[in-house]
Amino acid sequence: MESFMQFAEMGGYGGYVWPAFGIVLAVMLFMWIAGMRGWRKSEQVLASLRSSRRQREDISE
């Protein structure tokens, strides 16, 4: 258990390292969620454009 505490303290820099690690993790999670939402929105727009194109092609025939 003592070796884990030494690891967590990181030579006295643990108070800076762990919060920085948490912030980076939070930012990466936010970026992943934002990217997934944008991807889903793009897929919806693409599906809508494909649908409207099919309708125009059906009308012109």
N, C-alpha and C. Protein backbone atom coordinates (compact mmCIF):
# COMPACT_ATOMS: atom_id res chain seq x y z
N MET A 1 0.82 -1.20 0.00
CA MET A 1 0.00 0.00 0.00
C MET A 1 0.87 1.26 0.00
N GLU A 2 2.00 1.17 0.66
CA GLU A 2 2.89 2.33 0.72
C GLU A 2 3.46 2.66 -0.66
N SER A 3 3.72 1.62 -1.46
CA SER A 3 4.26 1.88 -2.80
C SER A 3 3.21 2.58 -3.67
N PHE A 4 1.93 2.25 -3.47
CA PHE A 4 0.88 2.93 -4.21
C PHE A 4 0.81 4.40 -3.82
N MET A 5 0.94 4.68 -2.53
CA MET A 5 0.92 6.07 -2.06
C MET A 5 2.10 6.85 -2.63
N GLN A 6 3.25 6.21 -2.71
CA GLN A 6 4.40 6.87 -3.32
C GLN A 6 4.14 7.15 -4.79
N PHE A 7 3.52 6.20 -5.46
CA PHE A 7 3.18 6.39 -6.87
C PHE A 7 2.19 7.55 -7.01
N ALA A 8 1.16 7.57 -6.16
CA ALA A 8 0.13 8.61 -6.26
C ALA A 8 0.70 9.99 -5.94
N GLU A 9 1.66 10.06 -5.03
CA GLU A 9 2.26 11.34 -4.69
C GLU A 9 3.22 11.83 -5.77
N MET A 10 3.79 10.93 -6.52
CA MET A 10 4.69 11.23 -7.63
C MET A 10 5.79 12.20 -7.24
N GLY A 11 6.44 11.89 -6.16
CA GLY A 11 7.57 12.71 -5.73
C GLY A 11 7.17 14.11 -5.33
N GLY A 12 5.95 14.29 -4.87
CA GLY A 12 5.48 15.61 -4.46
C GLY A 12 4.73 16.36 -5.54
N TYR A 13 4.70 15.81 -6.75
CA TYR A 13 4.01 16.48 -7.86
C TYR A 13 2.63 15.91 -8.14
N GLY A 14 2.19 14.95 -7.34
CA GLY A 14 0.88 14.33 -7.55
C GLY A 14 -0.27 15.32 -7.49
N GLY A 15 -0.14 16.35 -6.68
CA GLY A 15 -1.18 17.38 -6.58
C GLY A 15 -1.37 18.17 -7.86
N TYR A 16 -0.37 18.14 -8.73
CA TYR A 16 -0.46 18.82 -10.02
C TYR A 16 -0.78 17.84 -11.15
N VAL A 17 -0.23 16.64 -11.03
CA VAL A 17 -0.37 15.66 -12.11
C VAL A 17 -1.79 15.13 -12.19
N TRP A 18 -2.38 14.72 -11.08
CA TRP A 18 -3.69 14.10 -11.12
C TRP A 18 -4.80 15.05 -11.56
N PRO A 19 -4.84 16.29 -11.08
CA PRO A 19 -5.85 17.21 -11.62
C PRO A 19 -5.65 17.48 -13.12
N ALA A 20 -4.40 17.59 -13.55
CA ALA A 20 -4.14 17.80 -14.98
C ALA A 20 -4.62 16.60 -15.78
N PHE A 21 -4.38 15.41 -15.27
CA PHE A 21 -4.85 14.20 -15.92
C PHE A 21 -6.37 14.20 -16.01
N GLY A 22 -7.03 14.59 -14.93
CA GLY A 22 -8.49 14.66 -14.92
C GLY A 22 -9.04 15.66 -15.91
N ILE A 23 -8.38 16.82 -16.00
CA ILE A 23 -8.83 17.84 -16.95
C ILE A 23 -8.68 17.35 -18.38
N VAL A 24 -7.56 16.74 -18.69
CA VAL A 24 -7.34 16.20 -20.03
C VAL A 24 -8.38 15.14 -20.36
N LEU A 25 -8.67 14.27 -19.41
CA LEU A 25 -9.68 13.23 -19.61
C LEU A 25 -11.05 13.85 -19.87
N ALA A 26 -11.41 14.88 -19.10
CA ALA A 26 -12.70 15.55 -19.27
C ALA A 26 -12.79 16.22 -20.64
N VAL A 27 -11.71 16.89 -21.07
CA VAL A 27 -11.72 17.56 -22.37
C VAL A 27 -11.83 16.54 -23.50
N MET A 28 -11.12 15.43 -23.38
CA MET A 28 -11.20 14.40 -24.42
C MET A 28 -12.60 13.80 -24.48
N LEU A 29 -13.22 13.59 -23.34
CA LEU A 29 -14.58 13.08 -23.31
C LEU A 29 -15.54 14.06 -23.96
N PHE A 30 -15.39 15.35 -23.64
CA PHE A 30 -16.23 16.37 -24.26
C PHE A 30 -16.05 16.39 -25.78
N MET A 31 -14.81 16.30 -26.23
CA MET A 31 -14.55 16.32 -27.67
C MET A 31 -15.15 15.09 -28.35
N TRP A 32 -15.08 13.94 -27.69
CA TRP A 32 -15.66 12.73 -28.27
C TRP A 32 -17.17 12.87 -28.39
N ILE A 33 -17.82 13.37 -27.33
CA ILE A 33 -19.28 13.54 -27.35
C ILE A 33 -19.68 14.55 -28.42
N ALA A 34 -18.97 15.67 -28.50
CA ALA A 34 -19.28 16.68 -29.51
C ALA A 34 -19.08 16.13 -30.93
N GLY A 35 -18.04 15.34 -31.12
CA GLY A 35 -17.80 14.73 -32.43
C GLY A 35 -18.89 13.74 -32.82
N MET A 36 -19.33 12.95 -31.85
CA MET A 36 -20.39 11.98 -32.14
C MET A 36 -21.70 12.69 -32.48
N ARG A 37 -22.00 13.78 -31.76
CA ARG A 37 -23.22 14.54 -32.06
C ARG A 37 -23.14 15.15 -33.46
N GLY A 38 -21.98 15.71 -33.80
CA GLY A 38 -21.80 16.28 -35.14
C GLY A 38 -21.90 15.23 -36.22
N TRP A 39 -21.34 14.06 -35.96
CA TRP A 39 -21.41 12.97 -36.93
C TRP A 39 -22.86 12.54 -37.16
N ARG A 40 -23.61 12.39 -36.06
CA ARG A 40 -25.02 12.01 -36.21
C ARG A 40 -25.81 13.07 -36.97
N LYS A 41 -25.55 14.34 -36.69
CA LYS A 41 -26.22 15.42 -37.40
C LYS A 41 -25.87 15.37 -38.89
N SER A 42 -24.62 15.13 -39.22
CA SER A 42 -24.20 15.03 -40.62
C SER A 42 -24.88 13.85 -41.31
N GLU A 43 -25.01 12.73 -40.61
CA GLU A 43 -25.69 11.57 -41.17
C GLU A 43 -27.16 11.89 -41.46
N GLN A 44 -27.81 12.65 -40.57
CA GLN A 44 -29.20 13.02 -40.78
C GLN A 44 -29.34 13.94 -42.00
N VAL A 45 -28.45 14.90 -42.12
CA VAL A 45 -28.47 15.82 -43.25
C VAL A 45 -28.24 15.05 -44.55
N LEU A 46 -27.28 14.13 -44.54
CA LEU A 46 -27.00 13.33 -45.73
C LEU A 46 -28.20 12.48 -46.12
N ALA A 47 -28.85 11.87 -45.16
CA ALA A 47 -30.03 11.06 -45.45
C ALA A 47 -31.14 11.92 -46.04
N SER A 48 -31.30 13.12 -45.51
CA SER A 48 -32.31 14.04 -46.03
C SER A 48 -32.00 14.44 -47.46
N LEU A 49 -30.74 14.75 -47.74
CA LEU A 49 -30.34 15.13 -49.10
C LEU A 49 -30.54 13.97 -50.08
N ARG A 50 -30.20 12.77 -49.66
CA ARG A 50 -30.39 11.61 -50.53
C ARG A 50 -31.87 11.37 -50.80
N SER A 51 -32.69 11.57 -49.79
CA SER A 51 -34.13 11.38 -49.95
C SER A 51 -34.71 12.40 -50.92
N SER A 52 -34.31 13.66 -50.78
CA SER A 52 -34.83 14.69 -51.67
C SER A 52 -34.33 14.47 -53.10
N ARG A 53 -33.12 13.95 -53.25
CA ARG A 53 -32.61 13.67 -54.59
C ARG A 53 -33.41 12.55 -55.25
N ARG A 54 -33.71 11.49 -54.49
CA ARG A 54 -34.52 10.40 -55.02
C ARG A 54 -35.89 10.89 -55.45
N GLN A 55 -36.49 11.79 -54.65
CA GLN A 55 -37.80 12.32 -54.99
C GLN A 55 -37.74 13.13 -56.28
N ARG A 56 -36.69 13.94 -56.43
CA ARG A 56 -36.54 14.73 -57.68
C ARG A 56 -36.33 13.83 -58.87
N GLU A 57 -35.56 12.75 -58.71
CA GLU A 57 -35.31 11.84 -59.81
C GLU A 57 -36.58 11.08 -60.19
N ASP A 58 -37.40 10.74 -59.20
CA ASP A 58 -38.67 10.06 -59.48
C ASP A 58 -39.64 10.97 -60.21
N ILE A 59 -39.65 12.25 -59.88
CA ILE A 59 -40.54 13.20 -60.52
C ILE A 59 -40.12 13.44 -61.98
N SER A 60 -38.84 13.52 -62.24
CA SER A 60 -38.36 13.83 -63.58
C SER A 60 -38.53 12.65 -64.55
N GLU A 61 -38.73 11.47 -64.04
CA GLU A 61 -38.88 10.32 -64.95
C GLU A 61 -40.25 10.13 -65.44
